[in-house]
PDB file of N, CA and C in Angstrom:
ATOM      1  N   MET A   1      13.811-116.785 340.739  1.00  0.00           N
ATOM      2  CA  MET A   1      13.648-117.874 341.677  1.00  0.00           C
ATOM      3  C   MET A   1      12.225-118.395 341.585  1.00  0.00           C
ATOM      4  N   ILE A   2      12.092-119.674 341.685  1.00  0.00           N
ATOM      5  CA  ILE A   2      10.768-120.296 341.675  1.00  0.00           C
ATOM      6  C   ILE A   2      10.101-120.047 343.018  1.00  0.00           C
ATOM      7  N   GLY A   3       8.820-119.817 342.992  1.00  0.00           N
ATOM      8  CA  GLY A   3       8.063-119.627 344.224  1.00  0.00           C
ATOM      9  C   GLY A   3       8.165-118.207 344.747  1.00  0.00           C
ATOM     10  N   ARG A   4       7.131-117.773 345.370  1.00  0.00           N
ATOM     11  CA  ARG A   4       7.137-116.457 346.002  1.00  0.00           C
ATOM     12  C   ARG A   4       7.901-116.557 347.318  1.00  0.00           C
ATOM     13  N   PRO A   5       8.597-115.500 347.735  1.00  0.00           N
ATOM     14  CA  PRO A   5       9.351-115.556 348.991  1.00  0.00           C
ATOM     15  C   PRO A   5       8.515-116.003 350.185  1.00  0.00           C
ATOM     16  N   GLU A   6       7.253-115.592 350.225  1.00  0.00           N
ATOM     17  CA  GLU A   6       6.426-115.965 351.377  1.00  0.00           C
ATOM     18  C   GLU A   6       6.059-117.455 351.378  1.00  0.00           C
ATOM     19  N   THR A   7       6.238-118.147 350.254  1.00  0.00           N
ATOM     20  CA  THR A   7       5.931-119.576 350.200  1.00  0.00           C
ATOM     21  C   THR A   7       7.189-120.437 350.242  1.00  0.00           C
ATOM     22  N   THR A   8       8.351-119.801 350.246  1.00  0.00           N
ATOM     23  CA  THR A   8       9.610-120.530 350.278  1.00  0.00           C
ATOM     24  C   THR A   8      10.186-120.466 351.685  1.00  0.00           C
ATOM     25  N   PRO A   9      10.404-121.605 352.313  1.00  0.00           N
ATOM     26  CA  PRO A   9      10.960-121.593 353.666  1.00  0.00           C
ATOM     27  C   PRO A   9      12.399-121.074 353.672  1.00  0.00           C
ATOM     28  N   ALA A  10      12.827-120.575 354.810  1.00  0.00           N
ATOM     29  CA  ALA A  10      14.179-120.041 354.962  1.00  0.00           C
ATOM     30  C   ALA A  10      15.221-121.095 354.614  1.00  0.00           C
ATOM     31  N   LEU A  11      16.221-120.664 353.859  1.00  0.00           N
ATOM     32  CA  LEU A  11      17.285-121.576 353.446  1.00  0.00           C
ATOM     33  C   LEU A  11      18.619-121.222 354.079  1.00  0.00           C
ATOM     34  N   TRP A  12      18.573-120.420 355.101  1.00  0.00           N
ATOM     35  CA  TRP A  12      19.751-120.132 355.901  1.00  0.00           C
ATOM     36  C   TRP A  12      19.297-120.024 357.336  1.00  0.00           C
ATOM     37  N   VAL A  13      20.019-120.701 358.216  1.00  0.00           N
ATOM     38  CA  VAL A  13      19.762-120.626 359.650  1.00  0.00           C
ATOM     39  C   VAL A  13      21.068-120.241 360.327  1.00  0.00           C
ATOM     40  N   PRO A  14      21.021-119.580 361.488  1.00  0.00           N
ATOM     41  CA  PRO A  14      22.241-119.108 362.132  1.00  0.00           C
ATOM     42  C   PRO A  14      23.309-120.187 362.351  1.00  0.00           C
ATOM     43  N   SER A  15      22.904-121.419 362.585  1.00  0.00           N
ATOM     44  CA  SER A  15      23.895-122.480 362.813  1.00  0.00           C
ATOM     45  C   SER A  15      24.724-122.774 361.563  1.00  0.00           C
ATOM     46  N   MET A  16      24.298-122.271 360.404  1.00  0.00           N
ATOM     47  CA  MET A  16      25.068-122.461 359.170  1.00  0.00           C
ATOM     48  C   MET A  16      26.260-121.518 359.086  1.00  0.00           C
ATOM     49  N   ALA A  17      26.350-120.547 359.976  1.00  0.00           N
ATOM     50  CA  ALA A  17      27.441-119.573 359.938  1.00  0.00           C
ATOM     51  C   ALA A  17      28.806-120.212 360.184  1.00  0.00           C
ATOM     52  N   VAL A  18      28.837-121.375 360.799  1.00  0.00           N
ATOM     53  CA  VAL A  18      30.120-122.037 361.071  1.00  0.00           C
ATOM     54  C   VAL A  18      30.724-122.673 359.821  1.00  0.00           C
ATOM     55  N   PHE A  19      29.945-122.784 358.757  1.00  0.00           N
ATOM     56  CA  PHE A  19      30.426-123.395 357.523  1.00  0.00           C
ATOM     57  C   PHE A  19      30.937-122.329 356.566  1.00  0.00           C
ATOM     58  N   LEU A  20      31.874-122.716 355.731  1.00  0.00           N
ATOM     59  CA  LEU A  20      32.401-121.798 354.733  1.00  0.00           C
ATOM     60  C   LEU A  20      31.424-121.740 353.565  1.00  0.00           C
ATOM     61  N   ASN A  21      30.653-120.671 353.519  1.00  0.00           N
ATOM     62  CA  ASN A  21      29.690-120.438 352.447  1.00  0.00           C
ATOM     63  C   ASN A  21      30.252-119.353 351.541  1.00  0.00           C
ATOM     64  N   GLN A  22      30.096-119.526 350.263  1.00  0.00           N
ATOM     65  CA  GLN A  22      30.535-118.517 349.308  1.00  0.00           C
ATOM     66  C   GLN A  22      29.328-117.659 348.942  1.00  0.00           C
ATOM     67  N   TRP A  23      29.438-116.341 349.200  1.00  0.00           N
ATOM     68  CA  TRP A  23      28.310-115.425 349.011  1.00  0.00           C
ATOM     69  C   TRP A  23      28.490-114.575 347.763  1.00  0.00           C
ATOM     70  N   PHE A  24      27.360-114.287 347.091  1.00  0.00           N
ATOM     71  CA  PHE A  24      27.377-113.532 345.841  1.00  0.00           C
ATOM     72  C   PHE A  24      26.189-112.577 345.808  1.00  0.00           C
ATOM     73  N   SER A  25      26.397-111.435 345.170  1.00  0.00           N
ATOM     74  CA  SER A  25      25.305-110.466 345.037  1.00  0.00           C
ATOM     75  C   SER A  25      24.477-110.694 343.781  1.00  0.00           C
ATOM     76  N   ASP A  26      24.988-111.498 342.840  1.00  0.00           N
ATOM     77  CA  ASP A  26      24.178-111.784 341.654  1.00  0.00           C
ATOM     78  C   ASP A  26      24.230-113.278 341.319  1.00  0.00           C
ATOM     79  N   TYR A  27      23.157-113.711 340.696  1.00  0.00           N
ATOM     80  CA  TYR A  27      22.999-115.135 340.399  1.00  0.00           C
ATOM     81  C   TYR A  27      24.079-115.655 339.457  1.00  0.00           C
ATOM     82  N   ASP A  28      24.414-114.911 338.413  1.00  0.00           N
ATOM     83  CA  ASP A  28      25.370-115.406 337.424  1.00  0.00           C
ATOM     84  C   ASP A  28      26.730-115.719 338.056  1.00  0.00           C
ATOM     85  N   ALA A  29      27.195-114.865 338.950  1.00  0.00           N
ATOM     86  CA  ALA A  29      28.465-115.121 339.635  1.00  0.00           C
ATOM     87  C   ALA A  29      28.349-116.349 340.530  1.00  0.00           C
ATOM     88  N   ALA A  30      27.229-116.475 341.218  1.00  0.00           N
ATOM     89  CA  ALA A  30      27.012-117.649 342.068  1.00  0.00           C
ATOM     90  C   ALA A  30      26.976-118.912 341.228  1.00  0.00           C
ATOM     91  N   ARG A  31      26.319-118.848 340.087  1.00  0.00           N
ATOM     92  CA  ARG A  31      26.217-120.022 339.210  1.00  0.00           C
ATOM     93  C   ARG A  31      27.579-120.412 338.640  1.00  0.00           C
ATOM     94  N   MET A  32      28.390-119.426 338.280  1.00  0.00           N
ATOM     95  CA  MET A  32      29.735-119.725 337.773  1.00  0.00           C
ATOM     96  C   MET A  32      30.559-120.437 338.838  1.00  0.00           C
ATOM     97  N   HIS A  33      30.480-119.949 340.067  1.00  0.00           N
ATOM     98  CA  HIS A  33      31.204-120.604 341.164  1.00  0.00           C
ATOM     99  C   HIS A  33      30.669-122.018 341.382  1.00  0.00           C
ATOM    100  N   HIS A  34      29.368-122.147 341.403  1.00  0.00           N
ATOM    101  CA  HIS A  34      28.727-123.454 341.583  1.00  0.00           C
ATOM    102  C   HIS A  34      29.155-124.421 340.488  1.00  0.00           C
ATOM    103  N   ASP A  35      29.170-123.984 339.246  1.00  0.00           N
ATOM    104  CA  ASP A  35      29.579-124.845 338.130  1.00  0.00           C
ATOM    105  C   ASP A  35      31.030-125.286 338.278  1.00  0.00           C
ATOM    106  N   ALA A  36      31.876-124.404 338.781  1.00  0.00           N
ATOM    107  CA  ALA A  36      33.306-124.717 338.911  1.00  0.00           C
ATOM    108  C   ALA A  36      33.625-125.548 340.144  1.00  0.00           C
ATOM    109  N   GLU A  37      32.924-125.289 341.246  1.00  0.00           N
ATOM    110  CA  GLU A  37      33.289-125.885 342.527  1.00  0.00           C
ATOM    111  C   GLU A  37      32.288-126.895 343.074  1.00  0.00           C
ATOM    112  N   GLY A  38      31.079-126.917 342.521  1.00  0.00           N
ATOM    113  CA  GLY A  38      30.053-127.809 343.055  1.00  0.00           C
ATOM    114  C   GLY A  38      29.374-127.197 344.270  1.00  0.00           C
ATOM    115  N   GLY A  39      28.638-128.006 344.991  1.00  0.00           N
ATOM    116  CA  GLY A  39      27.912-127.554 346.167  1.00  0.00           C
ATOM    117  C   GLY A  39      26.440-127.339 345.859  1.00  0.00           C
ATOM    118  N   PHE A  40      25.795-126.608 346.728  1.00  0.00           N
ATOM    119  CA  PHE A  40      24.363-126.333 346.658  1.00  0.00           C
ATOM    120  C   PHE A  40      24.186-124.829 346.537  1.00  0.00           C
ATOM    121  N   LEU A  41      23.495-124.383 345.499  1.00  0.00           N
ATOM    122  CA  LEU A  41      23.281-122.958 345.271  1.00  0.00           C
ATOM    123  C   LEU A  41      21.918-122.585 345.846  1.00  0.00           C
ATOM    124  N   LEU A  42      21.931-121.674 346.810  1.00  0.00           N
ATOM    125  CA  LEU A  42      20.720-121.282 347.532  1.00  0.00           C
ATOM    126  C   LEU A  42      20.558-119.766 347.540  1.00  0.00           C
ATOM    127  N   PRO A  43      19.331-119.279 347.673  1.00  0.00           N
ATOM    128  CA  PRO A  43      19.105-117.839 347.805  1.00  0.00           C
ATOM    129  C   PRO A  43      19.035-117.431 349.280  1.00  0.00           C
ATOM    130  N   TYR A  44      19.333-116.168 349.511  1.00  0.00           N
ATOM    131  CA  TYR A  44      19.108-115.563 350.823  1.00  0.00           C
ATOM    132  C   TYR A  44      18.775-114.101 350.567  1.00  0.00           C
ATOM    133  N   GLY A  45      17.534-113.754 350.713  1.00  0.00           N
ATOM    134  CA  GLY A  45      17.102-112.387 350.398  1.00  0.00           C
ATOM    135  C   GLY A  45      17.413-112.084 348.948  1.00  0.00           C
ATOM    136  N   SER A  46      18.160-111.015 348.699  1.00  0.00           N
ATOM    137  CA  SER A  46      18.536-110.655 347.333  1.00  0.00           C
ATOM    138  C   SER A  46      19.933-111.159 346.981  1.00  0.00           C
ATOM    139  N   GLN A  47      20.487-112.043 347.827  1.00  0.00           N
ATOM    140  CA  GLN A  47      21.815-112.602 347.607  1.00  0.00           C
ATOM    141  C   GLN A  47      21.713-114.094 347.306  1.00  0.00           C
ATOM    142  N   TYR A  48      22.861-114.670 346.986  1.00  0.00           N
ATOM    143  CA  TYR A  48      22.951-116.095 346.689  1.00  0.00           C
ATOM    144  C   TYR A  48      24.187-116.638 347.381  1.00  0.00           C
ATOM    145  N   PHE A  49      24.133-117.906 347.765  1.00  0.00           N
ATOM    146  CA  PHE A  49      25.324-118.518 348.331  1.00  0.00           C
ATOM    147  C   PHE A  49      25.423-119.970 347.919  1.00  0.00           C
ATOM    148  N   VAL A  50      26.672-120.443 347.902  1.00  0.00           N
ATOM    149  CA  VAL A  50      26.958-121.833 347.584  1.00  0.00           C
ATOM    150  C   VAL A  50      27.533-122.451 348.849  1.00  0.00           C
ATOM    151  N   THR A  51      26.980-123.577 349.219  1.00  0.00           N
ATOM    152  CA  THR A  51      27.354-124.212 350.470  1.00  0.00           C
ATOM    153  C   THR A  51      27.526-125.713 350.266  1.00  0.00           C
ATOM    154  N   GLY A  52      27.921-126.400 351.322  1.00  0.00           N
ATOM    155  CA  GLY A  52      28.168-127.831 351.253  1.00  0.00           C
ATOM    156  C   GLY A  52      27.107-128.666 351.946  1.00  0.00           C
ATOM    157  N   ALA A  53      27.335-129.962 351.929  1.00  0.00           N
ATOM    158  CA  ALA A  53      26.379-130.931 352.467  1.00  0.00           C
ATOM    159  C   ALA A  53      26.094-130.716 353.951  1.00  0.00           C
ATOM    160  N   GLU A  54      27.106-130.320 354.719  1.00  0.00           N
ATOM    161  CA  GLU A  54      26.901-130.132 356.154  1.00  0.00           C
ATOM    162  C   GLU A  54      25.862-129.047 356.425  1.00  0.00           C
ATOM    163  N   ALA A  55      25.911-127.984 355.647  1.00  0.00           N
ATOM    164  CA  ALA A  55      24.943-126.902 355.821  1.00  0.00           C
ATOM    165  C   ALA A  55      23.544-127.352 355.424  1.00  0.00           C
ATOM    166  N   ILE A  56      23.442-128.192 354.414  1.00  0.00           N
ATOM    167  CA  ILE A  56      22.133-128.713 354.006  1.00  0.00           C
ATOM    168  C   ILE A  56      21.529-129.533 355.142  1.00  0.00           C
ATOM    169  N   ARG A  57      22.359-130.268 355.854  1.00  0.00           N
ATOM    170  CA  ARG A  57      21.868-131.025 357.022  1.00  0.00           C
ATOM    171  C   ARG A  57      21.363-130.089 358.117  1.00  0.00           C
ATOM    172  N   GLU A  58      21.976-128.911 358.245  1.00  0.00           N
ATOM    173  CA  GLU A  58      21.506-127.928 359.226  1.00  0.00           C
ATOM    174  C   GLU A  58      20.096-127.437 358.889  1.00  0.00           C
ATOM    175  N   LEU A  59      19.732-127.527 357.624  1.00  0.00           N
ATOM    176  CA  LEU A  59      18.377-127.161 357.190  1.00  0.00           C
ATOM    177  C   LEU A  59      17.407-128.323 357.385  1.00  0.00           C
ATOM    178  N   ARG A  60      17.913-129.410 357.966  1.00  0.00           N
ATOM    179  CA  ARG A  60      17.139-130.637 358.180  1.00  0.00           C
ATOM    180  C   ARG A  60      16.699-131.265 356.859  1.00  0.00           C
ATOM    181  N   LEU A  61      17.578-131.150 355.871  1.00  0.00           N
ATOM    182  CA  LEU A  61      17.381-131.800 354.586  1.00  0.00           C
ATOM    183  C   LEU A  61      18.515-132.798 354.384  1.00  0.00           C
ATOM    184  N   GLU A  62      18.288-133.774 353.555  1.00  0.00           N
ATOM    185  CA  GLU A  62      19.283-134.794 353.271  1.00  0.00           C
ATOM    186  C   GLU A  62      20.039-134.400 351.999  1.00  0.00           C
ATOM    187  N   PRO A  63      21.347-134.160 352.107  1.00  0.00           N
ATOM    188  CA  PRO A  63      22.097-133.754 350.919  1.00  0.00           C
ATOM    189  C   PRO A  63      22.168-134.836 349.840  1.00  0.00           C
ATOM    190  N   ASP A  64      21.950-136.084 350.212  1.00  0.00           N
ATOM    191  CA  ASP A  64      21.969-137.183 349.243  1.00  0.00           C
ATOM    192  C   ASP A  64      20.597-137.462 348.624  1.00  0.00           C
ATOM    193  N   ASP A  65      19.603-136.654 348.952  1.00  0.00           N
ATOM    194  CA  ASP A  65      18.279-136.811 348.360  1.00  0.00           C
ATOM    195  C   ASP A  65      18.414-136.699 346.843  1.00  0.00           C
ATOM    196  N   PRO A  66      17.910-137.664 346.085  1.00  0.00           N
ATOM    197  CA  PRO A  66      18.027-137.615 344.618  1.00  0.00           C
ATOM    198  C   PRO A  66      17.413-136.374 343.987  1.00  0.00           C
ATOM    199  N   ASP A  67      16.502-135.716 344.679  1.00  0.00           N
ATOM    200  CA  ASP A  67      15.899-134.500 344.125  1.00  0.00           C
ATOM    201  C   ASP A  67      16.916-133.368 343.990  1.00  0.00           C
ATOM    202  N   TRP A  68      17.966-133.351 344.796  1.00  0.00           N
ATOM    203  CA  TRP A  68      19.005-132.336 344.620  1.00  0.00           C
ATOM    204  C   TRP A  68      19.653-132.471 343.249  1.00  0.00           C
ATOM    205  N   GLU A  69      19.974-133.699 342.872  1.00  0.00           N
ATOM    206  CA  GLU A  69      20.563-133.907 341.545  1.00  0.00           C
ATOM    207  C   GLU A  69      19.566-133.507 340.461  1.00  0.00           C
ATOM    208  N   ARG A  70      18.311-133.845 340.668  1.00  0.00           N
ATOM    209  CA  ARG A  70      17.283-133.514 339.671  1.00  0.00           C
ATOM    210  C   ARG A  70      17.160-132.008 339.448  1.00  0.00           C
ATOM    211  N   ILE A  71      17.341-131.227 340.505  1.00  0.00           N
ATOM    212  CA  ILE A  71      17.257-129.768 340.333  1.00  0.00           C
ATOM    213  C   ILE A  71      18.604-129.164 339.939  1.00  0.00           C
ATOM    214  N   GLY A  72      19.628-129.994 339.832  1.00  0.00           N
ATOM    215  CA  GLY A  72      20.956-129.499 339.479  1.00  0.00           C
ATOM    216  C   GLY A  72      21.645-128.819 340.641  1.00  0.00           C
ATOM    217  N   TRP A  73      21.254-129.148 341.870  1.00  0.00           N
ATOM    218  CA  TRP A  73      21.776-128.555 343.104  1.00  0.00           C
ATOM    219  C   TRP A  73      21.617-127.032 343.091  1.00  0.00           C
ATOM    220  N   ASP A  74      20.619-126.545 342.369  1.00  0.00           N
ATOM    221  CA  ASP A  74      20.371-125.108 342.200  1.00  0.00           C
ATOM    222  C   ASP A  74      18.923-124.812 342.600  1.00  0.00           C
ATOM    223  N   TRP A  75      18.745-124.262 343.786  1.00  0.00           N
ATOM    224  CA  TRP A  75      17.404-123.946 344.294  1.00  0.00           C
ATOM    225  C   TRP A  75      16.776-122.789 343.530  1.00  0.00           C
ATOM    226  N   VAL A  76      17.596-121.907 343.013  1.00  0.00           N
ATOM    227  CA  VAL A  76      17.109-120.672 342.393  1.00  0.00           C
ATOM    228  C   VAL A  76      16.513-120.923 341.011  1.00  0.00           C
ATOM    229  N   ARG A  77      17.208-121.692 340.196  1.00  0.00           N
ATOM    230  CA  ARG A  77      16.746-122.016 338.843  1.00  0.00           C
ATOM    231  C   ARG A  77      16.837-123.533 338.646  1.00  0.00           C
ATOM    232  N   PRO A  78      15.952-124.261 339.289  1.00  0.00           N
ATOM    233  CA  PRO A  78      16.032-125.722 339.259  1.00  0.00           C
ATOM    234  C   PRO A  78      15.724-126.301 337.883  1.00  0.00           C
ATOM    235  N   ALA A  79      16.423-127.374 337.561  1.00  0.00           N
ATOM    236  CA  ALA A  79      16.206-128.061 336.296  1.00  0.00           C
ATOM    237  C   ALA A  79      14.881-128.824 336.287  1.00  0.00           C
ATOM    238  N   ASP A  80      14.393-129.199 337.465  1.00  0.00           N
ATOM    239  CA  ASP A  80      13.165-130.001 337.572  1.00  0.00           C
ATOM    240  C   ASP A  80      12.279-129.364 338.642  1.00  0.00           C
ATOM    241  N   THR A  81      11.200-128.737 338.223  1.00  0.00           N
ATOM    242  CA  THR A  81      10.347-128.033 339.196  1.00  0.00           C
ATOM    243  C   THR A  81       9.585-128.982 340.114  1.00  0.00           C
ATOM    244  N   ASP A  82       9.263-130.187 339.659  1.00  0.00           N
ATOM    245  CA  ASP A  82       8.602-131.153 340.544  1.00  0.00           C
ATOM    246  C   ASP A  82       9.536-131.571 341.677  1.00  0.00           C
ATOM    247  N   ALA A  83      10.793-131.812 341.345  1.00  0.00           N
ATOM    248  CA  ALA A  83      11.781-132.170 342.369  1.00  0.00           C
ATOM    249  C   ALA A  83      11.988-131.004 343.335  1.00  0.00           C
ATOM    250  N   TRP A  84      12.022-129.777 342.798  1.00  0.00           N
ATOM    251  CA  TRP A  84      12.164-128.596 343.649  1.00  0.00           C
ATOM    252  C   TRP A  84      10.986-128.490 344.620  1.00  0.00           C
ATOM    253  N   GLU A  85       9.807-128.734 344.123  1.00  0.00           N
ATOM    254  CA  GLU A  85       8.623-128.652 344.983  1.00  0.00           C
ATOM    255  C   GLU A  85       8.689-129.690 346.102  1.00  0.00           C
ATOM    256  N   ARG A  86       9.172-130.876 345.812  1.00  0.00           N
ATOM    257  CA  ARG A  86       9.310-131.895 346.868  1.00  0.00           C
ATOM    258  C   ARG A  86      10.324-131.444 347.925  1.00  0.00           C
ATOM    259  N   LEU A  87      11.452-130.886 347.488  1.00  0.00           N
ATOM    260  CA  LEU A  87      12.443-130.375 348.444  1.00  0.00           C
ATOM    261  C   LEU A  87      11.867-129.213 349.254  1.00  0.00           C
ATOM    262  N   ARG A  88      11.147-128.316 348.585  1.00  0.00           N
ATOM    263  CA  ARG A  88      10.537-127.174 349.281  1.00  0.00           C
ATOM    264  C   ARG A  88       9.575-127.665 350.354  1.00  0.00           C
ATOM    265  N   ALA A  89       8.780-128.674 350.029  1.00  0.00           N
ATOM    266  CA  ALA A  89       7.820-129.234 350.991  1.00  0.00           C
ATOM    267  C   ALA A  89       8.559-129.871 352.174  1.00  0.00           C
ATOM    268  N   LYS A  90       9.650-130.564 351.917  1.00  0.00           N
ATOM    269  CA  LYS A  90      10.434-131.169 353.008  1.00  0.00           C
ATOM    270  C   LYS A  90      11.012-130.093 353.915  1.00  0.00           C
ATOM    271  N   ARG A  91      11.502-129.025 353.316  1.00  0.00           N
ATOM    272  CA  ARG A  91      12.060-127.921 354.115  1.00  0.00           C
ATOM    273  C   ARG A  91      10.965-127.250 354.926  1.00  0.00           C
ATOM    274  N   ALA A  92       9.799-127.073 354.342  1.00  0.00           N
ATOM    275  CA  ALA A  92       8.684-126.452 355.071  1.00  0.00           C
ATOM    276  C   ALA A  92       8.296-127.308 356.279  1.00  0.00           C
ATOM    277  N   LEU A  93       8.296-128.626 356.124  1.00  0.00           N
ATOM    278  CA  LEU A  93       7.987-129.507 357.244  1.00  0.00           C
ATOM    279  C   LEU A  93       9.053-129.459 358.332  1.00  0.00           C
ATOM    280  N   ALA A  94      10.279-129.182 357.929  1.00  0.00           N
ATOM    281  CA  ALA A  94      11.389-129.170 358.886  1.00  0.00           C
ATOM    282  C   ALA A  94      11.448-127.897 359.722  1.00  0.00           C
ATOM    283  N   THR A  95      10.728-126.858 359.293  1.00  0.00           N
ATOM    284  CA  THR A  95      10.802-125.584 360.032  1.00  0.00           C
ATOM    285  C   THR A  95       9.762-125.519 361.126  1.00  0.00           C
TER     286      THR A  95
END
């Protein structure tokens, strides 16, 4: 994952529990699910989960932000680190 845990804002909040999130213990399984089903691939501690746009709004982020596409909707191994940094900064401001 890019960034140290202490510099990455939380990507799961309790209000996200109402959404159907797919949880995985390893990145490769999460990535396979993400590739097949779409969504947003996010880390949580030593786990990974794939979630939808509604949960991204709970993080006070905009799911239609073009930076999501730039990172490949994958927070853990983003395709574009500049876009990831912009999203990380937006999330930090939202907390």
